[in-house]
Amino acid sequence: MTDPTLGSLRVHGATLHYEVRGQGPLLLLIPGGTGGAAAFDGIADALAADYTVATYDPRGMSRSTLDDPEAEQRVSEHADDALRLLEQLSPAEPALVFGTSSGAIAALHLLIARPDRVERVVVHEPPVVEVLPDAAEHRALIARVQETFRAQGLMPAMAEFAAGLTSGPKPSPKSVPQSGSTTDGRDTTEPKAELKLPPQAAARAEQTMANLPYFVGRIVPAFMSYAPDIARLQSLSDQLVLAAGQDSRGELPYRPAEFLAKHLGTPLHHFPGGHTGLTTHPTEFGEHLHKTLRASP
């Protein structure tokens, strides 16, 4: 990996940690789940051959600290954080933006609020379940997750959450998500030998676990109750690319992207893997993102 240039940026109520590598037009990568800037370690170097790639830890995650650790979180504030980074790193030119999962929700709001600051926004499986006709069921899921978190703790709440994100006769999901993701792969009943991770991977896994209570308790309820302005998105559809995992058809995070694509009359771009394709298929995912950014609107 190329060593990135590290920076920090004061924003309202927080200090953001960010990393920059490469040269060319600015490409801001907004992570989902709990992984922070490290979620893009598998794709950032390759993309840096053509772009100035900026990654960061969202407020409250990893190295981006909150002034008030108990502060409630809002999508609009997270989108404003992304805007402040764009103004810091590309003050004269609109930038390219990619967001995945909860990061895709922040990217959507950034486009809605400040379309003048972005050239193109690619959103991968934003779980904006409020756009769906069965939104009430998903509100109930979020409420169950929060109640389980309060009454039973983190791991039962994660199990409840992961089960609600998938559908069909699939094996039970693991309780702990992959780094940078809201859900993980599938578990099996076979015992597994203990794995010894390389130091960097071990540190990343430890940080993911440390971020989980904040993610479950404050990011999930705030972000999954967000309802984007669809009429506004319609008017900005030439700047928006809706994307989903080719392996996650029918699962909850896939459905809002599919719904919005149909409603806006725009293509739904399929990326390698499922909701966690960024982690499971990093090379192919990065190549597909590059092609998508280069394609004509």
C-alpha atoms as a PDB file:
ATOM      1  CA  MET A   1       0.000   0.000   0.000  1.00  0.00           C
ATOM      2  CA  THR A   2       1.026   3.599  -0.633  1.00  0.00           C
ATOM      3  CA  ASP A   3       1.308   5.590   2.568  1.00  0.00           C
ATOM      4  CA  PRO A   4      -1.418   8.252   2.452  1.00  0.00           C
ATOM      5  CA  THR A   5      -1.086  11.823   3.619  1.00  0.00           C
ATOM      6  CA  LEU A   6      -2.988  12.160   6.902  1.00  0.00           C
ATOM      7  CA  GLY A   7      -5.003  15.163   7.972  1.00  0.00           C
ATOM      8  CA  SER A   8      -7.596  16.361  10.461  1.00  0.00           C
ATOM      9  CA  LEU A   9     -10.459  18.773   9.951  1.00  0.00           C
ATOM     10  CA  ARG A  10     -12.552  20.571  12.537  1.00  0.00           C
ATOM     11  CA  VAL A  11     -16.258  20.435  11.744  1.00  0.00           C
ATOM     12  CA  HIS A  12     -19.323  21.264  13.805  1.00  0.00           C
ATOM     13  CA  GLY A  13     -19.147  19.128  16.941  1.00  0.00           C
ATOM     14  CA  ALA A  14     -16.343  16.845  15.793  1.00  0.00           C
ATOM     15  CA  THR A  15     -12.806  16.477  14.457  1.00  0.00           C
ATOM     16  CA  LEU A  16     -12.489  14.338  11.334  1.00  0.00           C
ATOM     17  CA  HIS A  17      -9.514  12.139  10.497  1.00  0.00           C
ATOM     18  CA  TYR A  18      -8.921  11.860   6.738  1.00  0.00           C
ATOM     19  CA  GLU A  19      -6.374  10.353   4.370  1.00  0.00           C
ATOM     20  CA  VAL A  20      -5.363  11.423   0.851  1.00  0.00           C
ATOM     21  CA  ARG A  21      -3.395   9.559  -1.811  1.00  0.00           C
ATOM     22  CA  GLY A  22      -2.822   9.871  -5.563  1.00  0.00           C
ATOM     23  CA  GLN A  23      -3.372  12.722  -7.981  1.00  0.00           C
ATOM     24  CA  GLY A  24      -6.050  13.832 -10.398  1.00  0.00           C
ATOM     25  CA  PRO A  25      -9.674  14.855  -9.830  1.00  0.00           C
ATOM     26  CA  LEU A  26     -10.870  14.424  -6.252  1.00  0.00           C
ATOM     27  CA  LEU A  27     -12.725  11.206  -5.444  1.00  0.00           C
ATOM     28  CA  LEU A  28     -14.212  11.178  -1.949  1.00  0.00           C
ATOM     29  CA  LEU A  29     -15.019   7.697  -0.598  1.00  0.00           C
ATOM     30  CA  ILE A  30     -17.628   7.622   2.200  1.00  0.00           C
ATOM     31  CA  PRO A  31     -17.618   4.373   4.215  1.00  0.00           C
ATOM     32  CA  GLY A  32     -20.578   2.551   5.668  1.00  0.00           C
ATOM     33  CA  GLY A  33     -20.861   0.430   8.787  1.00  0.00           C
ATOM     34  CA  THR A  34     -17.997   0.628  11.248  1.00  0.00           C
ATOM     35  CA  GLY A  35     -14.880   0.409   9.101  1.00  0.00           C
ATOM     36  CA  GLY A  36     -13.956   4.053   8.515  1.00  0.00           C
ATOM     37  CA  ALA A  37     -11.188   4.959   6.096  1.00  0.00           C
ATOM     38  CA  ALA A  38      -9.724   1.454   6.419  1.00  0.00           C
ATOM     39  CA  ALA A  39     -12.779   0.048   4.615  1.00  0.00           C
ATOM     40  CA  PHE A  40     -11.235   1.289   1.358  1.00  0.00           C
ATOM     41  CA  ASP A  41      -7.734  -0.110   1.862  1.00  0.00           C
ATOM     42  CA  GLY A  42      -8.417  -2.745  -0.803  1.00  0.00           C
ATOM     43  CA  ILE A  43      -9.281  -0.261  -3.567  1.00  0.00           C
ATOM     44  CA  ALA A  44      -7.734   3.115  -2.694  1.00  0.00           C
ATOM     45  CA  ASP A  45      -4.246   2.516  -4.092  1.00  0.00           C
ATOM     46  CA  ALA A  46      -5.484   1.327  -7.483  1.00  0.00           C
ATOM     47  CA  LEU A  47      -7.876   4.259  -7.779  1.00  0.00           C
ATOM     48  CA  ALA A  48      -5.098   6.669  -6.780  1.00  0.00           C
ATOM     49  CA  ALA A  49      -3.473   6.065 -10.171  1.00  0.00           C
ATOM     50  CA  ASP A  50      -6.243   8.206 -11.710  1.00  0.00           C
ATOM     51  CA  TYR A  51      -7.725  10.228  -8.848  1.00  0.00           C
ATOM     52  CA  THR A  52      -6.852  12.113  -5.718  1.00  0.00           C
ATOM     53  CA  VAL A  53      -8.522   9.621  -3.393  1.00  0.00           C
ATOM     54  CA  ALA A  54      -9.770  10.899  -0.041  1.00  0.00           C
ATOM     55  CA  THR A  55     -11.037   8.549   2.656  1.00  0.00           C
ATOM     56  CA  TYR A  56     -12.054   9.339   6.207  1.00  0.00           C
ATOM     57  CA  ASP A  57     -13.507   8.069   9.453  1.00  0.00           C
ATOM     58  CA  PRO A  58     -17.065   9.403   9.874  1.00  0.00           C
ATOM     59  CA  ARG A  59     -17.685  11.424  13.021  1.00  0.00           C
ATOM     60  CA  GLY A  60     -17.710   9.237  16.129  1.00  0.00           C
ATOM     61  CA  MET A  61     -15.886   6.378  14.366  1.00  0.00           C
ATOM     62  CA  SER A  62     -12.291   5.321  14.959  1.00  0.00           C
ATOM     63  CA  ARG A  63     -10.058   8.425  14.860  1.00  0.00           C
ATOM     64  CA  SER A  64     -12.826  10.994  14.206  1.00  0.00           C
ATOM     65  CA  THR A  65     -13.862  12.194  17.630  1.00  0.00           C
ATOM     66  CA  LEU A  66     -17.064  13.832  18.831  1.00  0.00           C
ATOM     67  CA  ASP A  67     -16.973  16.856  21.118  1.00  0.00           C
ATOM     68  CA  ASP A  68     -19.958  15.297  22.902  1.00  0.00           C
ATOM     69  CA  PRO A  69     -19.690  11.487  22.842  1.00  0.00           C
ATOM     70  CA  GLU A  70     -23.414  11.207  23.600  1.00  0.00           C
ATOM     71  CA  ALA A  71     -24.555  13.498  20.761  1.00  0.00           C
ATOM     72  CA  GLU A  72     -27.393  12.243  18.594  1.00  0.00           C
ATOM     73  CA  GLN A  73     -26.451  11.682  14.979  1.00  0.00           C
ATOM     74  CA  ARG A  74     -28.128  13.170  11.901  1.00  0.00           C
ATOM     75  CA  VAL A  75     -27.697  12.325   8.232  1.00  0.00           C
ATOM     76  CA  SER A  76     -27.602  16.026   7.367  1.00  0.00           C
ATOM     77  CA  GLU A  77     -24.630  16.592   9.678  1.00  0.00           C
ATOM     78  CA  HIS A  78     -22.705  13.623   8.281  1.00  0.00           C
ATOM     79  CA  ALA A  79     -23.382  14.934   4.759  1.00  0.00           C
ATOM     80  CA  ASP A  80     -22.119  18.350   5.830  1.00  0.00           C
ATOM     81  CA  ASP A  81     -18.920  16.703   7.073  1.00  0.00           C
ATOM     82  CA  ALA A  82     -18.409  15.299   3.567  1.00  0.00           C
ATOM     83  CA  LEU A  83     -19.070  18.759   2.127  1.00  0.00           C
ATOM     84  CA  ARG A  84     -16.439  20.309   4.414  1.00  0.00           C
ATOM     85  CA  LEU A  85     -13.913  17.755   3.177  1.00  0.00           C
ATOM     86  CA  LEU A  86     -14.743  18.609  -0.437  1.00  0.00           C
ATOM     87  CA  GLU A  87     -14.249  22.290   0.304  1.00  0.00           C
ATOM     88  CA  GLN A  88     -10.945  21.534   2.026  1.00  0.00           C
ATOM     89  CA  LEU A  89      -9.553  19.272  -0.707  1.00  0.00           C
ATOM     90  CA  SER A  90     -11.181  20.573  -3.904  1.00  0.00           C
ATOM     91  CA  PRO A  91     -12.259  24.170  -3.270  1.00  0.00           C
ATOM     92  CA  ALA A  92     -12.400  25.187  -6.927  1.00  0.00           C
ATOM     93  CA  GLU A  93     -13.858  22.118  -8.649  1.00  0.00           C
ATOM     94  CA  PRO A  94     -16.806  19.768  -8.053  1.00  0.00           C
ATOM     95  CA  ALA A  95     -15.710  16.298  -6.969  1.00  0.00           C
ATOM     96  CA  LEU A  96     -16.609  12.685  -7.557  1.00  0.00           C
ATOM     97  CA  VAL A  97     -18.198  10.914  -4.586  1.00  0.00           C
ATOM     98  CA  PHE A  98     -18.779   7.255  -3.761  1.00  0.00           C
ATOM     99  CA  GLY A  99     -20.692   6.066  -0.713  1.00  0.00           C
ATOM    100  CA  THR A 100     -21.677   2.613   0.433  1.00  0.00           C
ATOM    101  CA  SER A 101     -24.396   1.513   2.883  1.00  0.00           C
ATOM    102  CA  SER A 102     -24.863   4.225   5.526  1.00  0.00           C
ATOM    103  CA  GLY A 103     -22.180   6.220   3.707  1.00  0.00           C
ATOM    104  CA  ALA A 104     -24.356   6.067   0.597  1.00  0.00           C
ATOM    105  CA  ILE A 105     -27.160   7.727   2.569  1.00  0.00           C
ATOM    106  CA  ALA A 106     -24.817  10.581   3.505  1.00  0.00           C
ATOM    107  CA  ALA A 107     -23.786  10.809  -0.159  1.00  0.00           C
ATOM    108  CA  LEU A 108     -27.431  11.024  -1.260  1.00  0.00           C
ATOM    109  CA  HIS A 109     -28.077  13.900   1.118  1.00  0.00           C
ATOM    110  CA  LEU A 110     -24.889  15.642  -0.006  1.00  0.00           C
ATOM    111  CA  LEU A 111     -26.162  15.538  -3.594  1.00  0.00           C
ATOM    112  CA  ILE A 112     -29.587  16.829  -2.550  1.00  0.00           C
ATOM    113  CA  ALA A 113     -28.157  19.652  -0.435  1.00  0.00           C
ATOM    114  CA  ARG A 114     -25.178  20.752  -2.557  1.00  0.00           C
ATOM    115  CA  PRO A 115     -25.324  19.445  -6.132  1.00  0.00           C
ATOM    116  CA  ASP A 116     -22.991  22.246  -7.173  1.00  0.00           C
ATOM    117  CA  ARG A 117     -20.128  20.621  -5.233  1.00  0.00           C
ATOM    118  CA  VAL A 118     -20.349  17.187  -6.855  1.00  0.00           C
ATOM    119  CA  GLU A 119     -19.800  16.068 -10.429  1.00  0.00           C
ATOM    120  CA  ARG A 120     -21.135  12.544  -9.963  1.00  0.00           C
ATOM    121  CA  VAL A 121     -22.297  10.579  -6.934  1.00  0.00           C
ATOM    122  CA  VAL A 122     -22.269   6.765  -6.909  1.00  0.00           C
ATOM    123  CA  VAL A 123     -24.381   5.286  -4.104  1.00  0.00           C
ATOM    124  CA  HIS A 124     -24.033   1.569  -3.365  1.00  0.00           C
ATOM    125  CA  GLU A 125     -27.000  -0.002  -1.560  1.00  0.00           C
ATOM    126  CA  PRO A 126     -28.163   2.938   0.562  1.00  0.00           C
ATOM    127  CA  PRO A 127     -30.617   1.398   3.083  1.00  0.00           C
ATOM    128  CA  VAL A 128     -33.161   4.215   2.766  1.00  0.00           C
ATOM    129  CA  VAL A 129     -35.991   1.864   3.673  1.00  0.00           C
ATOM    130  CA  GLU A 130     -38.454   4.734   4.079  1.00  0.00           C
ATOM    131  CA  VAL A 131     -38.882   4.800   0.275  1.00  0.00           C
ATOM    132  CA  LEU A 132     -40.219   1.222   0.252  1.00  0.00           C
ATOM    133  CA  PRO A 133     -43.935   0.372   0.312  1.00  0.00           C
ATOM    134  CA  ASP A 134     -43.363  -1.878   3.341  1.00  0.00           C
ATOM    135  CA  ALA A 135     -41.423   0.785   5.277  1.00  0.00           C
ATOM    136  CA  ALA A 136     -43.493   0.138   8.429  1.00  0.00           C
ATOM    137  CA  GLU A 137     -42.025  -3.373   8.707  1.00  0.00           C
ATOM    138  CA  HIS A 138     -38.521  -1.971   8.620  1.00  0.00           C
ATOM    139  CA  ARG A 139     -39.312   0.641  11.243  1.00  0.00           C
ATOM    140  CA  ALA A 140     -40.401  -2.266  13.419  1.00  0.00           C
ATOM    141  CA  LEU A 141     -37.090  -4.017  12.732  1.00  0.00           C
ATOM    142  CA  ILE A 142     -35.123  -0.934  13.813  1.00  0.00           C
ATOM    143  CA  ALA A 143     -37.232  -0.689  16.966  1.00  0.00           C
ATOM    144  CA  ARG A 144     -36.583  -4.373  17.762  1.00  0.00           C
ATOM    145  CA  VAL A 145     -32.850  -3.899  17.268  1.00  0.00           C
ATOM    146  CA  GLN A 146     -32.817  -0.919  19.624  1.00  0.00           C
ATOM    147  CA  GLU A 147     -34.875  -2.721  22.264  1.00  0.00           C
ATOM    148  CA  THR A 148     -32.652  -5.805  22.017  1.00  0.00           C
ATOM    149  CA  PHE A 149     -29.563  -3.604  22.328  1.00  0.00           C
ATOM    150  CA  ARG A 150     -30.908  -1.983  25.504  1.00  0.00           C
ATOM    151  CA  ALA A 151     -32.189  -5.190  27.078  1.00  0.00           C
ATOM    152  CA  GLN A 152     -29.689  -7.844  25.963  1.00  0.00           C
ATOM    153  CA  GLY A 153     -26.615  -6.082  24.672  1.00  0.00           C
ATOM    154  CA  LEU A 154     -24.617  -5.706  21.498  1.00  0.00           C
ATOM    155  CA  MET A 155     -24.299  -9.203  20.058  1.00  0.00           C
ATOM    156  CA  PRO A 156     -28.005 -10.139  20.312  1.00  0.00           C
ATOM    157  CA  ALA A 157     -28.859  -6.772  18.735  1.00  0.00           C
ATOM    158  CA  MET A 158     -26.431  -7.420  15.867  1.00  0.00           C
ATOM    159  CA  ALA A 159     -27.939 -10.856  15.318  1.00  0.00           C
ATOM    160  CA  GLU A 160     -31.422  -9.313  15.174  1.00  0.00           C
ATOM    161  CA  PHE A 161     -30.216  -6.648  12.755  1.00  0.00           C
ATOM    162  CA  ALA A 162     -28.369  -9.025  10.440  1.00  0.00           C
ATOM    163  CA  ALA A 163     -31.328 -11.403  10.294  1.00  0.00           C
ATOM    164  CA  GLY A 164     -33.599  -8.540   9.275  1.00  0.00           C
ATOM    165  CA  LEU A 165     -31.330  -7.472   6.397  1.00  0.00           C
ATOM    166  CA  THR A 166     -31.406 -10.801   4.590  1.00  0.00           C
ATOM    167  CA  SER A 167     -34.215 -12.849   3.111  1.00  0.00           C
ATOM    168  CA  GLY A 168     -34.794 -16.334   1.767  1.00  0.00           C
ATOM    169  CA  PRO A 169     -33.561 -19.747   2.938  1.00  0.00           C
ATOM    170  CA  LYS A 170     -29.983 -18.737   3.713  1.00  0.00           C
ATOM    171  CA  PRO A 171     -27.761 -19.792   6.612  1.00  0.00           C
ATOM    172  CA  SER A 172     -27.864 -17.598   9.693  1.00  0.00           C
ATOM    173  CA  PRO A 173     -25.632 -14.504   9.475  1.00  0.00           C
ATOM    174  CA  LYS A 174     -22.805 -13.960  11.884  1.00  0.00           C
ATOM    175  CA  SER A 175     -23.371 -11.613  14.763  1.00  0.00           C
ATOM    176  CA  VAL A 176     -20.375  -9.427  13.985  1.00  0.00           C
ATOM    177  CA  PRO A 177     -20.166  -7.551  10.654  1.00  0.00           C
ATOM    178  CA  GLN A 178     -17.142  -7.370   8.407  1.00  0.00           C
ATOM    179  CA  SER A 179     -15.089  -4.217   8.739  1.00  0.00           C
ATOM    180  CA  GLY A 180     -16.652  -1.397   6.869  1.00  0.00           C
ATOM    181  CA  SER A 181     -19.972  -3.176   6.466  1.00  0.00           C
ATOM    182  CA  THR A 182     -23.342  -3.421   8.124  1.00  0.00           C
ATOM    183  CA  THR A 183     -23.581  -7.207   7.639  1.00  0.00           C
ATOM    184  CA  ASP A 184     -21.204 -10.106   7.350  1.00  0.00           C
ATOM    185  CA  GLY A 185     -20.974 -13.356   5.433  1.00  0.00           C
ATOM    186  CA  ARG A 186     -22.781 -16.493   6.488  1.00  0.00           C
ATOM    187  CA  ASP A 187     -21.841 -18.671   9.420  1.00  0.00           C
ATOM    188  CA  THR A 188     -21.812 -22.469   9.495  1.00  0.00           C
ATOM    189  CA  THR A 189     -22.218 -24.972  12.279  1.00  0.00           C
ATOM    190  CA  GLU A 190     -18.749 -26.449  11.703  1.00  0.00           C
ATOM    191  CA  PRO A 191     -16.146 -25.498  14.337  1.00  0.00           C
ATOM    192  CA  LYS A 192     -13.327 -23.367  12.991  1.00  0.00           C
ATOM    193  CA  ALA A 193      -9.693 -23.264  13.974  1.00  0.00           C
ATOM    194  CA  GLU A 194      -8.641 -20.030  15.611  1.00  0.00           C
ATOM    195  CA  LEU A 195      -7.142 -17.668  13.049  1.00  0.00           C
ATOM    196  CA  LYS A 196      -4.200 -15.417  13.807  1.00  0.00           C
ATOM    197  CA  LEU A 197      -4.637 -12.227  11.832  1.00  0.00           C
ATOM    198  CA  PRO A 198      -1.750 -10.098  10.576  1.00  0.00           C
ATOM    199  CA  PRO A 199      -1.185  -7.095  12.854  1.00  0.00           C
ATOM    200  CA  GLN A 200      -2.894  -4.576  10.528  1.00  0.00           C
ATOM    201  CA  ALA A 201      -5.944  -6.804  10.042  1.00  0.00           C
ATOM    202  CA  ALA A 202      -6.114  -7.527  13.767  1.00  0.00           C
ATOM    203  CA  ALA A 203      -6.040  -3.816  14.590  1.00  0.00           C
ATOM    204  CA  ARG A 204      -8.775  -3.183  12.034  1.00  0.00           C
ATOM    205  CA  ALA A 205     -10.964  -5.919  13.500  1.00  0.00           C
ATOM    206  CA  GLU A 206     -10.439  -4.530  17.001  1.00  0.00           C
ATOM    207  CA  GLN A 207     -11.440  -1.046  15.849  1.00  0.00           C
ATOM    208  CA  THR A 208     -14.527  -2.434  14.122  1.00  0.00           C
ATOM    209  CA  MET A 209     -15.655  -4.039  17.365  1.00  0.00           C
ATOM    210  CA  ALA A 210     -15.001  -0.816  19.276  1.00  0.00           C
ATOM    211  CA  ASN A 211     -17.218   1.110  16.807  1.00  0.00           C
ATOM    212  CA  LEU A 212     -20.142  -1.320  16.928  1.00  0.00           C
ATOM    213  CA  PRO A 213     -22.054   0.081  19.948  1.00  0.00           C
ATOM    214  CA  TYR A 214     -22.042   3.573  18.410  1.00  0.00           C
ATOM    215  CA  PHE A 215     -23.088   2.167  15.036  1.00  0.00           C
ATOM    216  CA  VAL A 216     -25.961   0.090  16.406  1.00  0.00           C
ATOM    217  CA  GLY A 217     -27.145   2.624  18.950  1.00  0.00           C
ATOM    218  CA  ARG A 218     -26.982   5.848  16.955  1.00  0.00           C
ATOM    219  CA  ILE A 219     -26.125   5.376  13.280  1.00  0.00           C
ATOM    220  CA  VAL A 220     -28.642   2.622  12.499  1.00  0.00           C
ATOM    221  CA  PRO A 221     -31.750   4.366  13.886  1.00  0.00           C
ATOM    222  CA  ALA A 222     -30.802   7.803  12.537  1.00  0.00           C
ATOM    223  CA  PHE A 223     -29.808   6.697   9.043  1.00  0.00           C
ATOM    224  CA  MET A 224     -32.445   4.041   8.403  1.00  0.00           C
ATOM    225  CA  SER A 225     -35.223   6.468   9.324  1.00  0.00           C
ATOM    226  CA  TYR A 226     -33.970   8.982   6.741  1.00  0.00           C
ATOM    227  CA  ALA A 227     -36.320   9.672   3.817  1.00  0.00           C
ATOM    228  CA  PRO A 228     -34.645  11.291   0.799  1.00  0.00           C
ATOM    229  CA  ASP A 229     -36.416  13.954  -1.252  1.00  0.00           C
ATOM    230  CA  ILE A 230     -37.296  11.838  -4.297  1.00  0.00           C
ATOM    231  CA  ALA A 231     -38.555  14.787  -6.333  1.00  0.00           C
ATOM    232  CA  ARG A 232     -35.241  16.527  -5.751  1.00  0.00           C
ATOM    233  CA  LEU A 233     -33.327  13.382  -6.748  1.00  0.00           C
ATOM    234  CA  GLN A 234     -35.401  13.224  -9.938  1.00  0.00           C
ATOM    235  CA  SER A 235     -34.150  16.668 -10.905  1.00  0.00           C
ATOM    236  CA  LEU A 236     -30.546  15.614 -10.136  1.00  0.00           C
ATOM    237  CA  SER A 237     -30.658  12.137 -11.667  1.00  0.00           C
ATOM    238  CA  ASP A 238     -28.006  12.973 -14.287  1.00  0.00           C
ATOM    239  CA  GLN A 239     -25.491  13.329 -11.420  1.00  0.00           C
ATOM    240  CA  LEU A 240     -26.590  10.178  -9.579  1.00  0.00           C
ATOM    241  CA  VAL A 241     -25.526   6.565 -10.145  1.00  0.00           C
ATOM    242  CA  LEU A 242     -27.524   3.952  -8.226  1.00  0.00           C
ATOM    243  CA  ALA A 243     -25.632   0.740  -7.534  1.00  0.00           C
ATOM    244  CA  ALA A 244     -26.256  -2.605  -5.856  1.00  0.00           C
ATOM    245  CA  GLY A 245     -24.464  -5.905  -5.338  1.00  0.00           C
ATOM    246  CA  GLN A 246     -25.078  -8.540  -7.982  1.00  0.00           C
ATOM    247  CA  ASP A 247     -25.270 -11.164  -5.229  1.00  0.00           C
ATOM    248  CA  SER A 248     -27.651  -9.325  -2.896  1.00  0.00           C
ATOM    249  CA  ARG A 249     -30.829  -9.281  -4.975  1.00  0.00           C
ATOM    250  CA  GLY A 250     -33.891  -9.438  -2.732  1.00  0.00           C
ATOM    251  CA  GLU A 251     -32.037  -8.479   0.442  1.00  0.00           C
ATOM    252  CA  LEU A 252     -33.129  -5.362   2.280  1.00  0.00           C
ATOM    253  CA  PRO A 253     -30.160  -3.069   1.428  1.00  0.00           C
ATOM    254  CA  TYR A 254     -30.602  -3.890  -2.285  1.00  0.00           C
ATOM    255  CA  ARG A 255     -34.276  -2.997  -2.481  1.00  0.00           C
ATOM    256  CA  PRO A 256     -34.124   0.809  -1.975  1.00  0.00           C
ATOM    257  CA  ALA A 257     -31.524   1.164  -4.752  1.00  0.00           C
ATOM    258  CA  GLU A 258     -33.714  -0.948  -7.017  1.00  0.00           C
ATOM    259  CA  PHE A 259     -36.819   1.065  -6.077  1.00  0.00           C
ATOM    260  CA  LEU A 260     -35.136   4.427  -6.665  1.00  0.00           C
ATOM    261  CA  ALA A 261     -33.711   3.324 -10.020  1.00  0.00           C
ATOM    262  CA  LYS A 262     -37.170   2.314 -11.243  1.00  0.00           C
ATOM    263  CA  HIS A 263     -38.822   5.432  -9.826  1.00  0.00           C
ATOM    264  CA  LEU A 264     -36.221   7.801 -11.303  1.00  0.00           C
ATOM    265  CA  GLY A 265     -36.026   5.941 -14.597  1.00  0.00           C
ATOM    266  CA  THR A 266     -32.282   5.383 -14.324  1.00  0.00           C
ATOM    267  CA  PRO A 267     -30.214   2.190 -14.653  1.00  0.00           C
ATOM    268  CA  LEU A 268     -29.300   0.130 -11.604  1.00  0.00           C
ATOM    269  CA  HIS A 269     -25.601  -0.675 -11.840  1.00  0.00           C
ATOM    270  CA  HIS A 270     -24.576  -4.050 -10.423  1.00  0.00           C
ATOM    271  CA  PHE A 271     -21.243  -4.245  -8.625  1.00  0.00           C
ATOM    272  CA  PRO A 272     -19.305  -7.439  -7.792  1.00  0.00           C
ATOM    273  CA  GLY A 273     -20.364  -9.344  -4.669  1.00  0.00           C
ATOM    274  CA  GLY A 274     -23.180  -8.458  -2.330  1.00  0.00           C
ATOM    275  CA  HIS A 275     -23.655  -5.712   0.228  1.00  0.00           C
ATOM    276  CA  THR A 276     -20.058  -6.275   1.356  1.00  0.00           C
ATOM    277  CA  GLY A 277     -18.568  -6.568  -2.136  1.00  0.00           C
ATOM    278  CA  LEU A 278     -16.076  -3.845  -1.279  1.00  0.00           C
ATOM    279  CA  THR A 279     -14.566  -6.250   1.264  1.00  0.00           C
ATOM    280  CA  THR A 280     -15.094  -9.605  -0.462  1.00  0.00           C
ATOM    281  CA  HIS A 281     -14.189  -8.580  -4.042  1.00  0.00           C
ATOM    282  CA  PRO A 282     -11.955  -5.493  -3.640  1.00  0.00           C
ATOM    283  CA  THR A 283     -10.049  -5.724  -6.938  1.00  0.00           C
ATOM    284  CA  GLU A 284     -13.129  -6.280  -9.088  1.00  0.00           C
ATOM    285  CA  PHE A 285     -15.123  -3.735  -7.065  1.00  0.00           C
ATOM    286  CA  GLY A 286     -12.491  -1.031  -7.524  1.00  0.00           C
ATOM    287  CA  GLU A 287     -12.227  -1.710 -11.250  1.00  0.00           C
ATOM    288  CA  HIS A 288     -15.998  -1.516 -11.627  1.00  0.00           C
ATOM    289  CA  LEU A 289     -16.139   1.747  -9.693  1.00  0.00           C
ATOM    290  CA  HIS A 290     -13.459   3.236 -11.954  1.00  0.00           C
ATOM    291  CA  LYS A 291     -15.413   2.236 -15.092  1.00  0.00           C
ATOM    292  CA  THR A 292     -18.619   3.642 -13.614  1.00  0.00           C
ATOM    293  CA  LEU A 293     -16.984   6.986 -12.818  1.00  0.00           C
ATOM    294  CA  ARG A 294     -15.536   7.206 -16.323  1.00  0.00           C
ATOM    295  CA  ALA A 295     -18.763   6.276 -18.129  1.00  0.00           C
ATOM    296  CA  SER A 296     -20.844   8.965 -19.782  1.00  0.00           C
ATOM    297  CA  PRO A 297     -23.917  10.035 -17.777  1.00  0.00           C
END
